[in-house]
Amino acid sequence: MTPNPRFRCPACGFTVFNRRLPTCESCSVPLPEAMRLTEAERARIAQDEERNARTRQELARQAEELEQQKERRRGDGG
């Protein structure tokens, strides 16, 4: 994936990879507000991350449950 060229630090030209940060990761100059994520965008990302974490936990739990069922069947001889 090619980074969007408009998200470059105006001071040093470094590609801005993390728009949550208020400053450039390379030169520490404050980034223009239009380049940073809004509070609403950051909140939506946080919600998405929480939902994804819960989904991963549930999938891991289901996989463990399936593995335990397989182990029980192996012990039963069938």
PDB file of N, CA and C in Angstrom:
ATOM      1  N   MET A   1       0.840  -1.170   0.000  1.00  0.00           N
ATOM      2  CA  MET A   1       0.000   0.000   0.000  1.00  0.00           C
ATOM      3  C   MET A   1       0.890   1.239   0.000  1.00  0.00           C
ATOM      4  N   THR A   2       0.661   2.129  -0.920  1.00  0.00           N
ATOM      5  CA  THR A   2       1.434   3.353  -1.029  1.00  0.00           C
ATOM      6  C   THR A   2       0.832   4.429  -0.138  1.00  0.00           C
ATOM      7  N   PRO A   3       1.665   5.056   0.719  1.00  0.00           N
ATOM      8  CA  PRO A   3       1.142   6.125   1.578  1.00  0.00           C
ATOM      9  C   PRO A   3       0.624   7.297   0.741  1.00  0.00           C
ATOM     10  N   ASN A   4      -0.386   7.976   1.263  1.00  0.00           N
ATOM     11  CA  ASN A   4      -0.949   9.137   0.596  1.00  0.00           C
ATOM     12  C   ASN A   4       0.082  10.261   0.615  1.00  0.00           C
ATOM     13  N   PRO A   5       0.465  10.791  -0.559  1.00  0.00           N
ATOM     14  CA  PRO A   5       1.509  11.824  -0.603  1.00  0.00           C
ATOM     15  C   PRO A   5       1.124  13.125   0.094  1.00  0.00           C
ATOM     16  N   ARG A   6      -0.155  13.359   0.325  1.00  0.00           N
ATOM     17  CA  ARG A   6      -0.538  14.607   0.992  1.00  0.00           C
ATOM     18  C   ARG A   6      -0.241  14.555   2.481  1.00  0.00           C
ATOM     19  N   PHE A   7       0.037  13.369   3.017  1.00  0.00           N
ATOM     20  CA  PHE A   7       0.354  13.242   4.432  1.00  0.00           C
ATOM     21  C   PHE A   7       1.865  13.204   4.627  1.00  0.00           C
ATOM     22  N   ARG A   8       2.483  14.319   4.317  1.00  0.00           N
ATOM     23  CA  ARG A   8       3.912  14.498   4.519  1.00  0.00           C
ATOM     24  C   ARG A   8       4.115  15.715   5.410  1.00  0.00           C
ATOM     25  N   CYS A   9       5.087  15.585   6.296  1.00  0.00           N
ATOM     26  CA  CYS A   9       5.392  16.697   7.188  1.00  0.00           C
ATOM     27  C   CYS A   9       5.792  17.911   6.347  1.00  0.00           C
ATOM     28  N   PRO A  10       5.152  19.053   6.593  1.00  0.00           N
ATOM     29  CA  PRO A  10       5.502  20.245   5.823  1.00  0.00           C
ATOM     30  C   PRO A  10       6.912  20.754   6.138  1.00  0.00           C
ATOM     31  N   ALA A  11       7.454  20.368   7.283  1.00  0.00           N
ATOM     32  CA  ALA A  11       8.779  20.852   7.676  1.00  0.00           C
ATOM     33  C   ALA A  11       9.907  20.017   7.084  1.00  0.00           C
ATOM     34  N   CYS A  12       9.761  18.671   7.132  1.00  0.00           N
ATOM     35  CA  CYS A  12      10.871  17.822   6.692  1.00  0.00           C
ATOM     36  C   CYS A  12      10.520  16.883   5.556  1.00  0.00           C
ATOM     37  N   GLY A  13       9.247  16.779   5.187  1.00  0.00           N
ATOM     38  CA  GLY A  13       8.830  15.923   4.090  1.00  0.00           C
ATOM     39  C   GLY A  13       8.646  14.458   4.462  1.00  0.00           C
ATOM     40  N   PHE A  14       8.822  14.123   5.739  1.00  0.00           N
ATOM     41  CA  PHE A  14       8.675  12.744   6.201  1.00  0.00           C
ATOM     42  C   PHE A  14       7.220  12.309   6.018  1.00  0.00           C
ATOM     43  N   THR A  15       7.015  11.081   5.551  1.00  0.00           N
ATOM     44  CA  THR A  15       5.668  10.547   5.408  1.00  0.00           C
ATOM     45  C   THR A  15       5.055  10.337   6.788  1.00  0.00           C
ATOM     46  N   VAL A  16       3.863  10.882   6.974  1.00  0.00           N
ATOM     47  CA  VAL A  16       3.159  10.757   8.247  1.00  0.00           C
ATOM     48  C   VAL A  16       2.411   9.430   8.227  1.00  0.00           C
ATOM     49  N   PHE A  17       2.874   8.499   9.043  1.00  0.00           N
ATOM     50  CA  PHE A  17       2.258   7.181   9.120  1.00  0.00           C
ATOM     51  C   PHE A  17       1.201   7.118  10.212  1.00  0.00           C
ATOM     52  N   ASN A  18       1.359   7.908  11.263  1.00  0.00           N
ATOM     53  CA  ASN A  18       0.436   7.868  12.397  1.00  0.00           C
ATOM     54  C   ASN A  18      -0.187   9.249  12.571  1.00  0.00           C
ATOM     55  N   ARG A  19      -1.392   9.397  12.027  1.00  0.00           N
ATOM     56  CA  ARG A  19      -2.060  10.692  12.083  1.00  0.00           C
ATOM     57  C   ARG A  19      -2.712  10.949  13.438  1.00  0.00           C
ATOM     58  N   ARG A  20      -2.571  10.017  14.374  1.00  0.00           N
ATOM     59  CA  ARG A  20      -3.067  10.250  15.735  1.00  0.00           C
ATOM     60  C   ARG A  20      -2.118  11.163  16.501  1.00  0.00           C
ATOM     61  N   LEU A  21      -0.848  11.160  16.109  1.00  0.00           N
ATOM     62  CA  LEU A  21       0.153  11.950  16.818  1.00  0.00           C
ATOM     63  C   LEU A  21       0.073  13.425  16.411  1.00  0.00           C
ATOM     64  N   PRO A  22       0.272  14.326  17.351  1.00  0.00           N
ATOM     65  CA  PRO A  22       0.188  15.759  17.033  1.00  0.00           C
ATOM     66  C   PRO A  22       1.456  16.313  16.382  1.00  0.00           C
ATOM     67  N   THR A  23       2.558  15.549  16.436  1.00  0.00           N
ATOM     68  CA  THR A  23       3.821  16.028  15.875  1.00  0.00           C
ATOM     69  C   THR A  23       4.398  15.017  14.899  1.00  0.00           C
ATOM     70  N   CYS A  24       5.307  15.493  14.056  1.00  0.00           N
ATOM     71  CA  CYS A  24       6.004  14.639  13.097  1.00  0.00           C
ATOM     72  C   CYS A  24       6.868  13.628  13.858  1.00  0.00           C
ATOM     73  N   GLU A  25       6.836  12.389  13.417  1.00  0.00           N
ATOM     74  CA  GLU A  25       7.629  11.341  14.066  1.00  0.00           C
ATOM     75  C   GLU A  25       9.117  11.504  13.783  1.00  0.00           C
ATOM     76  N   SER A  26       9.456  12.277  12.769  1.00  0.00           N
ATOM     77  CA  SER A  26      10.853  12.453  12.398  1.00  0.00           C
ATOM     78  C   SER A  26      11.474  13.705  13.017  1.00  0.00           C
ATOM     79  N   CYS A  27      10.802  14.841  12.834  1.00  0.00           N
ATOM     80  CA  CYS A  27      11.411  16.100  13.275  1.00  0.00           C
ATOM     81  C   CYS A  27      10.714  16.744  14.474  1.00  0.00           C
ATOM     82  N   SER A  28       9.618  16.176  14.929  1.00  0.00           N
ATOM     83  CA  SER A  28       8.853  16.639  16.100  1.00  0.00           C
ATOM     84  C   SER A  28       8.172  17.987  15.936  1.00  0.00           C
ATOM     85  N   VAL A  29       8.083  18.490  14.728  1.00  0.00           N
ATOM     86  CA  VAL A  29       7.371  19.743  14.470  1.00  0.00           C
ATOM     87  C   VAL A  29       5.866  19.447  14.528  1.00  0.00           C
ATOM     88  N   PRO A  30       5.076  20.332  15.149  1.00  0.00           N
ATOM     89  CA  PRO A  30       3.619  20.103  15.179  1.00  0.00           C
ATOM     90  C   PRO A  30       3.050  19.987  13.765  1.00  0.00           C
ATOM     91  N   LEU A  31       2.193  18.992  13.571  1.00  0.00           N
ATOM     92  CA  LEU A  31       1.553  18.796  12.266  1.00  0.00           C
ATOM     93  C   LEU A  31       0.321  19.685  12.160  1.00  0.00           C
ATOM     94  N   PRO A  32      -0.004  20.120  10.954  1.00  0.00           N
ATOM     95  CA  PRO A  32      -1.216  20.928  10.778  1.00  0.00           C
ATOM     96  C   PRO A  32      -2.444  20.141  11.246  1.00  0.00           C
ATOM     97  N   GLU A  33      -3.392  20.837  11.825  1.00  0.00           N
ATOM     98  CA  GLU A  33      -4.588  20.183  12.353  1.00  0.00           C
ATOM     99  C   GLU A  33      -5.328  19.408  11.275  1.00  0.00           C
ATOM    100  N   ALA A  34      -5.348  19.928  10.055  1.00  0.00           N
ATOM    101  CA  ALA A  34      -6.043  19.251   8.954  1.00  0.00           C
ATOM    102  C   ALA A  34      -5.407  17.899   8.624  1.00  0.00           C
ATOM    103  N   MET A  35      -4.163  17.713   8.993  1.00  0.00           N
ATOM    104  CA  MET A  35      -3.457  16.464   8.704  1.00  0.00           C
ATOM    105  C   MET A  35      -3.704  15.422   9.792  1.00  0.00           C
ATOM    106  N   ARG A  36      -4.053  15.875  10.991  1.00  0.00           N
ATOM    107  CA  ARG A  36      -4.256  14.961  12.122  1.00  0.00           C
ATOM    108  C   ARG A  36      -5.685  14.423  12.125  1.00  0.00           C
ATOM    109  N   LEU A  37      -5.862  13.267  12.741  1.00  0.00           N
ATOM    110  CA  LEU A  37      -7.203  12.709  12.896  1.00  0.00           C
ATOM    111  C   LEU A  37      -7.978  13.547  13.911  1.00  0.00           C
ATOM    112  N   THR A  38      -9.269  13.651  13.676  1.00  0.00           N
ATOM    113  CA  THR A  38     -10.120  14.374  14.620  1.00  0.00           C
ATOM    114  C   THR A  38     -10.385  13.490  15.831  1.00  0.00           C
ATOM    115  N   GLU A  39     -10.918  14.084  16.871  1.00  0.00           N
ATOM    116  CA  GLU A  39     -11.275  13.326  18.075  1.00  0.00           C
ATOM    117  C   GLU A  39     -12.300  12.244  17.727  1.00  0.00           C
ATOM    118  N   ALA A  40     -13.264  12.575  16.878  1.00  0.00           N
ATOM    119  CA  ALA A  40     -14.286  11.598  16.479  1.00  0.00           C
ATOM    120  C   ALA A  40     -13.649  10.434  15.719  1.00  0.00           C
ATOM    121  N   GLU A  41     -12.710  10.724  14.843  1.00  0.00           N
ATOM    122  CA  GLU A  41     -12.033   9.659  14.094  1.00  0.00           C
ATOM    123  C   GLU A  41     -11.214   8.769  15.034  1.00  0.00           C
ATOM    124  N   ARG A  42     -10.533   9.393  15.997  1.00  0.00           N
ATOM    125  CA  ARG A  42      -9.749   8.607  16.963  1.00  0.00           C
ATOM    126  C   ARG A  42     -10.664   7.731  17.818  1.00  0.00           C
ATOM    127  N   ALA A  43     -11.832   8.273  18.204  1.00  0.00           N
ATOM    128  CA  ALA A  43     -12.783   7.507  19.007  1.00  0.00           C
ATOM    129  C   ALA A  43     -13.318   6.317  18.205  1.00  0.00           C
ATOM    130  N   ARG A  44     -13.625   6.530  16.926  1.00  0.00           N
ATOM    131  CA  ARG A  44     -14.124   5.446  16.084  1.00  0.00           C
ATOM    132  C   ARG A  44     -13.068   4.354  15.937  1.00  0.00           C
ATOM    133  N   ILE A  45     -11.813   4.742  15.755  1.00  0.00           N
ATOM    134  CA  ILE A  45     -10.729   3.767  15.644  1.00  0.00           C
ATOM    135  C   ILE A  45     -10.591   2.982  16.940  1.00  0.00           C
ATOM    136  N   ALA A  46     -10.681   3.659  18.069  1.00  0.00           N
ATOM    137  CA  ALA A  46     -10.585   2.976  19.362  1.00  0.00           C
ATOM    138  C   ALA A  46     -11.724   1.966  19.525  1.00  0.00           C
ATOM    139  N   GLN A  47     -12.923   2.343  19.124  1.00  0.00           N
ATOM    140  CA  GLN A  47     -14.063   1.424  19.192  1.00  0.00           C
ATOM    141  C   GLN A  47     -13.834   0.215  18.287  1.00  0.00           C
ATOM    142  N   ASP A  48     -13.330   0.467  17.086  1.00  0.00           N
ATOM    143  CA  ASP A  48     -13.039  -0.627  16.155  1.00  0.00           C
ATOM    144  C   ASP A  48     -11.998  -1.577  16.745  1.00  0.00           C
ATOM    145  N   GLU A  49     -10.967  -1.012  17.363  1.00  0.00           N
ATOM    146  CA  GLU A  49      -9.917  -1.844  17.962  1.00  0.00           C
ATOM    147  C   GLU A  49     -10.478  -2.695  19.103  1.00  0.00           C
ATOM    148  N   GLU A  50     -11.345  -2.111  19.915  1.00  0.00           N
ATOM    149  CA  GLU A  50     -11.968  -2.861  21.015  1.00  0.00           C
ATOM    150  C   GLU A  50     -12.836  -3.990  20.471  1.00  0.00           C
ATOM    151  N   ARG A  51     -13.638  -3.688  19.454  1.00  0.00           N
ATOM    152  CA  ARG A  51     -14.493  -4.706  18.845  1.00  0.00           C
ATOM    153  C   ARG A  51     -13.643  -5.831  18.252  1.00  0.00           C
ATOM    154  N   ASN A  52     -12.561  -5.474  17.566  1.00  0.00           N
ATOM    155  CA  ASN A  52     -11.678  -6.483  16.980  1.00  0.00           C
ATOM    156  C   ASN A  52     -11.031  -7.350  18.054  1.00  0.00           C
ATOM    157  N   ALA A  53     -10.650  -6.751  19.169  1.00  0.00           N
ATOM    158  CA  ALA A  53     -10.042  -7.510  20.262  1.00  0.00           C
ATOM    159  C   ALA A  53     -11.049  -8.504  20.837  1.00  0.00           C
ATOM    160  N   ARG A  54     -12.295  -8.064  21.013  1.00  0.00           N
ATOM    161  CA  ARG A  54     -13.332  -8.982  21.519  1.00  0.00           C
ATOM    162  C   ARG A  54     -13.571 -10.124  20.534  1.00  0.00           C
ATOM    163  N   THR A  55     -13.578  -9.803  19.244  1.00  0.00           N
ATOM    164  CA  THR A  55     -13.774 -10.833  18.219  1.00  0.00           C
ATOM    165  C   THR A  55     -12.632 -11.839  18.244  1.00  0.00           C
ATOM    166  N   ARG A  56     -11.394 -11.352  18.365  1.00  0.00           N
ATOM    167  CA  ARG A  56     -10.243 -12.257  18.438  1.00  0.00           C
ATOM    168  C   ARG A  56     -10.336 -13.160  19.659  1.00  0.00           C
ATOM    169  N   GLN A  57     -10.744 -12.603  20.786  1.00  0.00           N
ATOM    170  CA  GLN A  57     -10.897 -13.409  22.000  1.00  0.00           C
ATOM    171  C   GLN A  57     -11.962 -14.491  21.811  1.00  0.00           C
ATOM    172  N   GLU A  58     -13.075 -14.126  21.218  1.00  0.00           N
ATOM    173  CA  GLU A  58     -14.151 -15.091  20.997  1.00  0.00           C
ATOM    174  C   GLU A  58     -13.699 -16.181  20.025  1.00  0.00           C
ATOM    175  N   LEU A  59     -13.007 -15.818  18.975  1.00  0.00           N
ATOM    176  CA  LEU A  59     -12.517 -16.815  18.024  1.00  0.00           C
ATOM    177  C   LEU A  59     -11.499 -17.745  18.679  1.00  0.00           C
ATOM    178  N   ALA A  60     -10.645 -17.201  19.511  1.00  0.00           N
ATOM    179  CA  ALA A  60      -9.664 -18.030  20.224  1.00  0.00           C
ATOM    180  C   ALA A  60     -10.380 -18.984  21.171  1.00  0.00           C
ATOM    181  N   ARG A  61     -11.418 -18.499  21.854  1.00  0.00           N
ATOM    182  CA  ARG A  61     -12.192 -19.351  22.754  1.00  0.00           C
ATOM    183  C   ARG A  61     -12.864 -20.484  21.978  1.00  0.00           C
ATOM    184  N   GLN A  62     -13.444 -20.159  20.822  1.00  0.00           N
ATOM    185  CA  GLN A  62     -14.094 -21.177  20.000  1.00  0.00           C
ATOM    186  C   GLN A  62     -13.081 -22.201  19.488  1.00  0.00           C
ATOM    187  N   ALA A  63     -11.912 -21.744  19.075  1.00  0.00           N
ATOM    188  CA  ALA A  63     -10.875 -22.658  18.592  1.00  0.00           C
ATOM    189  C   ALA A  63     -10.427 -23.587  19.714  1.00  0.00           C
ATOM    190  N   GLU A  64     -10.267 -23.054  20.900  1.00  0.00           N
ATOM    191  CA  GLU A  64      -9.877 -23.873  22.052  1.00  0.00           C
ATOM    192  C   GLU A  64     -10.956 -24.899  22.366  1.00  0.00           C
ATOM    193  N   GLU A  65     -12.205 -24.487  22.302  1.00  0.00           N
ATOM    194  CA  GLU A  65     -13.314 -25.400  22.557  1.00  0.00           C
ATOM    195  C   GLU A  65     -13.337 -26.534  21.530  1.00  0.00           C
ATOM    196  N   LEU A  66     -13.128 -26.204  20.262  1.00  0.00           N
ATOM    197  CA  LEU A  66     -13.078 -27.228  19.220  1.00  0.00           C
ATOM    198  C   LEU A  66     -11.920 -28.190  19.449  1.00  0.00           C
ATOM    199  N   GLU A  67     -10.785 -27.665  19.847  1.00  0.00           N
ATOM    200  CA  GLU A  67      -9.618 -28.507  20.115  1.00  0.00           C
ATOM    201  C   GLU A  67      -9.900 -29.461  21.279  1.00  0.00           C
ATOM    202  N   GLN A  68     -10.567 -28.965  22.303  1.00  0.00           N
ATOM    203  CA  GLN A  68     -10.918 -29.813  23.439  1.00  0.00           C
ATOM    204  C   GLN A  68     -11.899 -30.911  23.022  1.00  0.00           C
ATOM    205  N   GLN A  69     -12.839 -30.582  22.141  1.00  0.00           N
ATOM    206  CA  GLN A  69     -13.780 -31.588  21.647  1.00  0.00           C
ATOM    207  C   GLN A  69     -13.043 -32.666  20.857  1.00  0.00           C
ATOM    208  N   LYS A  70     -12.084 -32.263  20.039  1.00  0.00           N
ATOM    209  CA  LYS A  70     -11.297 -33.229  19.276  1.00  0.00           C
ATOM    210  C   LYS A  70     -10.515 -34.150  20.209  1.00  0.00           C
ATOM    211  N   GLU A  71      -9.932 -33.569  21.239  1.00  0.00           N
ATOM    212  CA  GLU A  71      -9.166 -34.359  22.204  1.00  0.00           C
ATOM    213  C   GLU A  71     -10.062 -35.370  22.907  1.00  0.00           C
ATOM    214  N   ARG A  72     -11.271 -34.946  23.276  1.00  0.00           N
ATOM    215  CA  ARG A  72     -12.204 -35.863  23.940  1.00  0.00           C
ATOM    216  C   ARG A  72     -12.595 -37.010  23.005  1.00  0.00           C
ATOM    217  N   ARG A  73     -12.821 -36.703  21.729  1.00  0.00           N
ATOM    218  CA  ARG A  73     -13.188 -37.737  20.764  1.00  0.00           C
ATOM    219  C   ARG A  73     -12.053 -38.721  20.555  1.00  0.00           C
ATOM    220  N   ARG A  74     -10.825 -38.234  20.537  1.00  0.00           N
ATOM    221  CA  ARG A  74      -9.676 -39.126  20.376  1.00  0.00           C
ATOM    222  C   ARG A  74      -9.585 -40.093  21.555  1.00  0.00           C
ATOM    223  N   GLY A  75      -9.899 -39.593  22.734  1.00  0.00           N
ATOM    224  CA  GLY A  75      -9.861 -40.425  23.928  1.00  0.00           C
ATOM    225  C   GLY A  75     -10.973 -41.467  23.955  1.00  0.00           C
ATOM    226  N   ASP A  76     -12.080 -41.200  23.246  1.00  0.00           N
ATOM    227  CA  ASP A  76     -13.209 -42.131  23.214  1.00  0.00           C
ATOM    228  C   ASP A  76     -13.010 -43.228  22.178  1.00  0.00           C
ATOM    229  N   GLY A  77     -11.965 -43.089  21.387  1.00  0.00           N
ATOM    230  CA  GLY A  77     -11.729 -44.070  20.332  1.00  0.00           C
ATOM    231  C   GLY A  77     -12.553 -43.803  19.090  1.00  0.00           C
ATOM    232  N   GLY A  78     -13.080 -42.594  18.968  1.00  0.00           N
ATOM    233  CA  GLY A  78     -13.843 -42.376  17.761  1.00  0.00           C
ATOM    234  C   GLY A  78     -14.081 -40.978  17.522  1.00  0.00           C
TER     235      GLY A  78
END
